[in-house]
């Protein structure tokens, strides 16, 4: 795996709570089977070589959410028509059908999903755009593909954190995808995704770390009273921000995390960088100063490139 890939400190053992109301096993099994049947039916009915209609995608995704026993609440503003970049925080595999419930869009997915059974067929059939995360040099081409889809009047959904978090903490939005919105001159719609049980944040839907998909699905269907809240933020108009850095910051401000307490992932994300100090200071030669100055300049140049802030 490439060292530049974003990652989260969340793990099933540290972040996912086992407490809470659990539905009866027969009902959980029925939900589990129903979810699998709905997903399999969607794969079987996917038209070969054709894009799935938006209305069918919306209905199918909402059916998956309901089949899992989840109540859906959508609040906020309506999404505009035409080219639109949808950005959201990333917690679970459920995030994808939840975004489609707001507005069906072409997902930006990692390239390996294309080869997954069932899910790969569905993802490709929905017109998803794929990114090879192991090849940093492929990033400009991916950004250009997103911009092209936006210029054509379509919606593209992206999780700029680049990794799933448990829902009690949130990663930083990577800036590269926002360049596509700037290049295409389209608005950005921030969407906040939250999962609740009994009115408080739930980590049951989190799909993090070494968690398997089937384990995560079972945990979701066996959790009683799970509610998915989708908060559609105010649209960020094109031209309101001069660069991708400020645009990413504004979009993340529109996606509010709901930490309930200081937990493992929150403390890791907010922990300051520790610098080890030596007991004695050695004199620095003029030659060493030149090397340091040259290295610092090269580093600044590298981190200002479009690829470095992916």
Protein backbone atom coordinates (compact mmCIF):
# COMPACT_ATOMS: atom_id res chain seq x y z
CA UNK A 1 0.00 0.00 0.00
CA UNK A 2 1.25 3.48 -0.86
CA UNK A 3 2.43 5.67 2.02
CA UNK A 4 0.38 8.69 0.87
CA UNK A 5 -2.98 6.98 1.30
CA UNK A 6 -5.14 8.55 4.05
CA UNK A 7 -6.02 6.38 7.02
CA UNK A 8 -8.00 6.66 10.26
CA UNK A 9 -7.05 5.48 13.76
CA UNK A 10 -10.49 3.89 14.22
CA UNK A 11 -10.63 0.13 14.83
CA UNK A 12 -13.53 -2.19 15.68
CA UNK A 13 -12.07 -3.01 19.11
CA UNK A 14 -11.33 0.58 20.15
CA UNK A 15 -14.30 2.43 18.66
CA UNK A 16 -17.31 0.18 18.13
CA UNK A 17 -19.48 -0.22 21.20
CA UNK A 18 -21.03 -3.58 21.96
CA UNK A 19 -23.63 -2.15 24.32
CA UNK A 20 -27.09 -1.02 23.26
CA UNK A 21 -30.39 -2.59 22.33
CA UNK A 22 -30.10 -5.70 20.20
CA UNK A 23 -33.01 -6.91 18.12
CA UNK A 24 -34.20 -10.51 18.32
CA UNK A 25 -32.08 -12.99 16.38
CA UNK A 26 -34.89 -14.18 14.03
CA UNK A 27 -35.64 -10.59 13.03
CA UNK A 28 -31.94 -9.85 12.56
CA UNK A 29 -31.58 -12.92 10.35
CA UNK A 30 -34.60 -11.85 8.29
CA UNK A 31 -33.10 -8.38 7.82
CA UNK A 32 -29.72 -9.84 6.89
CA UNK A 33 -31.21 -12.14 4.26
CA UNK A 34 -33.43 -9.36 2.90
CA UNK A 35 -30.46 -7.03 2.45
CA UNK A 36 -28.55 -9.73 0.57
CA UNK A 37 -31.56 -10.48 -1.63
CA UNK A 38 -32.11 -6.80 -2.48
CA UNK A 39 -28.43 -6.35 -3.34
CA UNK A 40 -28.36 -9.54 -5.43
CA UNK A 41 -31.56 -8.54 -7.24
CA UNK A 42 -30.03 -5.19 -8.09
CA UNK A 43 -26.98 -6.91 -9.55
CA UNK A 44 -29.09 -9.35 -11.56
CA UNK A 45 -31.30 -6.62 -13.00
CA UNK A 46 -28.45 -4.27 -13.89
CA UNK A 47 -28.67 -3.58 -17.64
CA UNK A 48 -25.56 -4.80 -19.42
CA UNK A 49 -23.55 -1.96 -20.89
CA UNK A 50 -26.07 0.68 -19.84
CA UNK A 51 -26.30 3.23 -17.04
CA UNK A 52 -28.86 2.48 -14.30
CA UNK A 53 -31.65 5.13 -14.32
CA UNK A 54 -31.46 7.64 -11.45
CA UNK A 55 -34.98 6.88 -10.22
CA UNK A 56 -34.23 3.17 -10.00
CA UNK A 57 -30.99 3.84 -8.11
CA UNK A 58 -32.80 6.04 -5.56
CA UNK A 59 -35.55 3.47 -4.99
CA UNK A 60 -33.08 0.59 -4.72
CA UNK A 61 -30.82 2.39 -2.25
CA UNK A 62 -33.71 3.41 0.00
CA UNK A 63 -34.93 -0.19 -0.09
CA UNK A 64 -31.54 -1.37 1.17
CA UNK A 65 -31.68 1.09 4.07
CA UNK A 66 -35.23 0.06 5.02
CA UNK A 67 -34.40 -3.65 4.67
CA UNK A 68 -31.59 -3.22 7.21
CA UNK A 69 -34.14 -1.92 9.72
CA UNK A 70 -32.90 1.68 9.63
CA UNK A 71 -35.11 4.74 9.84
CA UNK A 72 -34.04 7.50 7.47
CA UNK A 73 -34.24 11.23 8.20
CA UNK A 74 -33.23 13.77 5.58
CA UNK A 75 -33.05 17.43 6.59
CA UNK A 76 -31.62 20.62 5.14
CA UNK A 77 -31.71 22.18 1.72
CA UNK A 78 -32.59 20.63 -1.61
CA UNK A 79 -29.91 19.72 -4.11
CA UNK A 80 -29.73 21.75 -7.33
CA UNK A 81 -30.00 20.21 -10.77
CA UNK A 82 -27.09 20.09 -13.17
CA UNK A 83 -23.43 19.54 -12.38
CA UNK A 84 -22.85 19.08 -8.65
CA UNK A 85 -20.07 17.77 -6.43
CA UNK A 86 -21.56 15.98 -3.39
CA UNK A 87 -19.10 15.60 -0.50
CA UNK A 88 -19.74 13.84 2.81
CA UNK A 89 -18.03 12.39 5.85
CA UNK A 90 -17.38 8.66 5.63
CA UNK A 91 -18.45 6.18 8.32
CA UNK A 92 -20.04 3.10 6.79
CA UNK A 93 -20.91 1.16 3.65
CA UNK A 94 -24.40 2.59 4.28
CA UNK A 95 -23.11 6.05 3.35
CA UNK A 96 -23.39 5.21 -0.36
CA UNK A 97 -27.14 4.43 -0.42
CA UNK A 98 -27.75 7.37 1.93
CA UNK A 99 -26.13 9.80 -0.49
CA UNK A 100 -28.15 8.29 -3.33
CA UNK A 101 -31.27 8.99 -1.28
CA UNK A 102 -30.35 12.70 -1.49
CA UNK A 103 -29.45 12.66 -5.17
CA UNK A 104 -28.29 9.74 -7.31
CA UNK A 105 -24.74 10.47 -8.39
CA UNK A 106 -21.70 8.84 -9.89
CA UNK A 107 -19.54 7.62 -7.03
CA UNK A 108 -15.79 8.03 -6.86
CA UNK A 109 -14.69 4.53 -5.81
CA UNK A 110 -11.36 2.83 -5.31
CA UNK A 111 -10.31 0.74 -8.31
CA UNK A 112 -10.27 -2.59 -6.45
CA UNK A 113 -14.06 -2.43 -5.95
CA UNK A 114 -14.44 -3.05 -9.69
CA UNK A 115 -13.32 -6.65 -9.11
CA UNK A 116 -15.56 -7.36 -6.09
CA UNK A 117 -18.38 -9.89 -6.64
CA UNK A 118 -21.85 -8.32 -6.94
CA UNK A 119 -20.73 -4.94 -5.54
CA UNK A 120 -18.28 -4.46 -8.40
CA UNK A 121 -20.98 -5.08 -10.99
CA UNK A 122 -23.38 -2.69 -9.29
CA UNK A 123 -20.75 0.00 -8.84
CA UNK A 124 -19.61 -0.15 -12.45
CA UNK A 125 -23.21 -0.26 -13.70
CA UNK A 126 -24.03 2.90 -11.78
CA UNK A 127 -21.43 4.80 -13.79
CA UNK A 128 -18.93 5.12 -10.95
CA UNK A 129 -15.59 6.79 -11.51
CA UNK A 130 -12.66 4.71 -10.27
CA UNK A 131 -9.44 5.93 -8.70
CA UNK A 132 -6.26 3.88 -8.43
CA UNK A 133 -5.13 4.91 -4.97
CA UNK A 134 -1.82 3.06 -5.29
CA UNK A 135 -0.75 5.29 -8.20
CA UNK A 136 -0.30 8.89 -7.17
CA UNK A 137 0.51 9.87 -10.75
CA UNK A 138 -3.00 8.82 -11.81
CA UNK A 139 -4.57 11.51 -9.61
CA UNK A 140 -4.57 14.36 -12.20
CA UNK A 141 -6.32 12.06 -14.68
CA UNK A 142 -8.94 11.18 -12.07
CA UNK A 143 -9.54 14.85 -11.28
CA UNK A 144 -9.94 15.55 -15.00
CA UNK A 145 -12.48 12.70 -15.30
CA UNK A 146 -14.50 14.10 -12.39
CA UNK A 147 -14.43 17.58 -13.93
CA UNK A 148 -15.62 16.14 -17.25
CA UNK A 149 -18.57 14.41 -15.60
CA UNK A 150 -19.47 17.63 -13.77
CA UNK A 151 -19.29 19.71 -16.95
CA UNK A 152 -21.67 17.23 -18.59
CA UNK A 153 -24.29 18.17 -15.99
CA UNK A 154 -23.98 15.10 -13.77
CA UNK A 155 -23.56 14.77 -10.02
CA UNK A 156 -20.47 13.12 -8.55
CA UNK A 157 -20.35 11.91 -4.93
CA UNK A 158 -17.04 11.84 -3.09
CA UNK A 159 -15.83 11.05 0.44
CA UNK A 160 -12.88 13.46 0.69
CA UNK A 161 -11.59 11.96 3.96
CA UNK A 162 -10.38 9.01 1.90
CA UNK A 163 -11.07 6.56 4.73
CA UNK A 164 -13.89 5.56 7.05
CA UNK A 165 -14.09 6.90 10.61
CA UNK A 166 -16.25 5.60 13.46
CA UNK A 167 -18.50 8.68 13.53
CA UNK A 168 -17.26 10.23 16.77
CA UNK A 169 -14.30 11.86 15.09
CA UNK A 170 -13.69 13.07 11.59
CA UNK A 171 -10.73 13.18 9.24
CA UNK A 172 -9.58 16.13 7.17
CA UNK A 173 -11.01 16.66 3.70
CA UNK A 174 -8.40 16.02 1.01
CA UNK A 175 -8.24 18.90 -1.43
CA UNK A 176 -7.65 17.32 -4.85
CA UNK A 177 -11.29 16.48 -5.71
CA UNK A 178 -12.32 20.08 -5.08
CA UNK A 179 -10.10 21.13 -7.97
CA UNK A 180 -12.54 19.29 -10.25
CA UNK A 181 -15.40 21.49 -9.02
CA UNK A 182 -13.29 24.61 -9.59
CA UNK A 183 -12.30 23.47 -13.10
CA UNK A 184 -15.90 22.62 -14.03
CA UNK A 185 -17.40 25.73 -12.40
CA UNK A 186 -20.07 23.77 -10.49
CA UNK A 187 -21.40 24.09 -6.92
CA UNK A 188 -20.37 21.89 -4.00
CA UNK A 189 -22.99 20.35 -1.70
CA UNK A 190 -21.73 19.24 1.75
CA UNK A 191 -23.72 16.41 3.35
CA UNK A 192 -23.38 15.32 6.98
CA UNK A 193 -24.07 11.66 7.76
CA UNK A 194 -24.85 10.60 11.34
CA UNK A 195 -26.08 7.36 12.88
CA UNK A 196 -28.05 7.41 16.13
CA UNK A 197 -29.65 5.08 18.65
CA UNK A 198 -31.84 6.51 21.42
CA UNK A 199 -30.85 10.02 20.32
CA UNK A 200 -27.09 9.55 20.78
CA UNK A 201 -24.35 8.77 18.28
CA UNK A 202 -23.99 5.09 17.43
CA UNK A 203 -20.82 3.42 16.21
CA UNK A 204 -22.64 0.21 15.22
CA UNK A 205 -22.73 1.06 11.47
CA UNK A 206 -19.02 1.97 11.36
CA UNK A 207 -17.04 -0.04 8.82
CA UNK A 208 -13.46 0.53 9.99
CA UNK A 209 -10.11 -1.15 10.31
CA UNK A 210 -10.05 -4.91 9.86
CA UNK A 211 -13.84 -5.20 10.00
CA UNK A 212 -15.32 -7.46 7.31
CA UNK A 213 -18.34 -6.38 5.27
CA UNK A 214 -20.51 -9.29 6.44
CA UNK A 215 -19.63 -8.58 10.08
CA UNK A 216 -20.57 -4.94 9.64
CA UNK A 217 -23.86 -5.83 7.93
CA UNK A 218 -24.78 -8.22 10.73
CA UNK A 219 -24.00 -5.60 13.38
CA UNK A 220 -26.28 -3.13 11.60
CA UNK A 221 -29.25 -5.48 11.17
CA UNK A 222 -29.00 -6.68 14.76
CA UNK A 223 -29.03 -3.16 16.25
CA UNK A 224 -32.45 -2.00 17.43
CA UNK A 225 -33.70 1.53 16.81
CA UNK A 226 -30.93 2.61 14.45
CA UNK A 227 -31.57 5.96 12.77
CA UNK A 228 -29.62 7.44 9.86
CA UNK A 229 -29.65 11.24 9.70
CA UNK A 230 -28.68 12.96 6.47
CA UNK A 231 -28.09 16.69 6.85
CA UNK A 232 -27.86 18.45 3.50
CA UNK A 233 -25.82 21.62 3.95
CA UNK A 234 -26.02 24.91 2.10
CA UNK A 235 -24.71 24.77 -1.44
CA UNK A 236 -21.32 26.41 -1.96
CA UNK A 237 -21.65 28.46 -5.11
CA UNK A 238 -19.01 28.25 -7.85
CA UNK A 239 -16.53 31.11 -7.72
CA UNK A 240 -17.09 31.78 -4.01
CA UNK A 241 -13.66 30.35 -3.12
CA UNK A 242 -10.46 31.06 -5.05
CA UNK A 243 -8.65 27.74 -4.53
CA UNK A 244 -9.19 24.13 -3.55
CA UNK A 245 -7.76 24.64 -0.08
CA UNK A 246 -10.37 27.19 0.98
CA UNK A 247 -13.13 25.30 -0.85
CA UNK A 248 -12.29 22.07 1.00
CA UNK A 249 -12.22 23.93 4.31
CA UNK A 250 -15.64 25.47 3.64
CA UNK A 251 -17.10 22.10 2.64
CA UNK A 252 -15.79 20.42 5.76
CA UNK A 253 -17.26 23.20 7.90
CA UNK A 254 -20.63 22.27 6.40
CA UNK A 255 -20.24 18.66 7.54
CA UNK A 256 -20.40 18.69 11.31
CA UNK A 257 -19.17 15.72 13.32
CA UNK A 258 -20.89 14.87 16.60
CA UNK A 259 -18.30 13.58 19.07
CA UNK A 260 -19.94 12.43 22.31
CA UNK A 261 -16.81 12.06 24.42
CA UNK A 262 -13.02 12.04 24.19
CA UNK A 263 -12.35 8.57 22.82
CA UNK A 264 -9.49 6.76 21.12
CA UNK A 265 -9.82 8.16 17.61
CA UNK A 266 -10.58 11.71 18.80
CA UNK A 267 -7.50 11.84 21.00
CA UNK A 268 -5.29 10.42 18.27
CA UNK A 269 -6.62 12.87 15.68
CA UNK A 270 -6.10 15.85 18.00
CA UNK A 271 -2.82 14.76 19.58
CA UNK A 272 -0.01 17.28 19.04
CA UNK A 273 3.16 16.18 17.34
CA UNK A 274 5.87 15.47 19.89
CA UNK A 275 9.36 16.70 19.13
CA UNK A 276 12.26 15.00 20.87
CA UNK A 277 14.79 17.46 22.23
CA UNK A 278 18.42 16.63 22.71
CA UNK A 279 20.26 17.47 25.91
CA UNK A 280 23.07 19.32 24.18
CA UNK A 281 23.09 21.54 21.12
CA UNK A 282 25.90 21.12 18.70
CA UNK A 283 27.11 24.05 16.60
CA UNK A 284 25.77 24.04 13.07
CA UNK A 285 28.20 24.63 10.27
CA UNK A 286 27.57 26.89 7.29
CA UNK A 287 27.55 23.85 5.00
CA UNK A 288 24.88 22.18 7.15
CA UNK A 289 22.75 25.31 7.04
CA UNK A 290 22.90 25.27 3.24
CA UNK A 291 21.79 21.63 3.16
CA UNK A 292 18.89 22.36 5.52
CA UNK A 293 17.82 25.38 3.49
CA UNK A 294 17.94 23.39 0.24
CA UNK A 295 15.98 20.48 1.74
CA UNK A 296 13.32 22.81 3.15
CA UNK A 297 12.83 24.47 -0.23
CA UNK A 298 12.49 21.12 -1.98
CA UNK A 299 9.98 19.92 0.60
CA UNK A 300 7.87 23.06 0.26
CA UNK A 301 7.84 22.63 -3.51
CA UNK A 302 6.75 19.00 -3.25
CA UNK A 303 3.91 19.66 -0.84
CA UNK A 304 2.53 22.49 -2.99
CA UNK A 305 2.00 20.21 -5.97
CA UNK A 306 -1.52 19.03 -6.89
CA UNK A 307 -0.59 15.43 -6.14
CA UNK A 308 0.73 16.13 -2.67
CA UNK A 309 -2.56 17.43 -1.33
CA UNK A 310 -4.65 14.60 -2.76
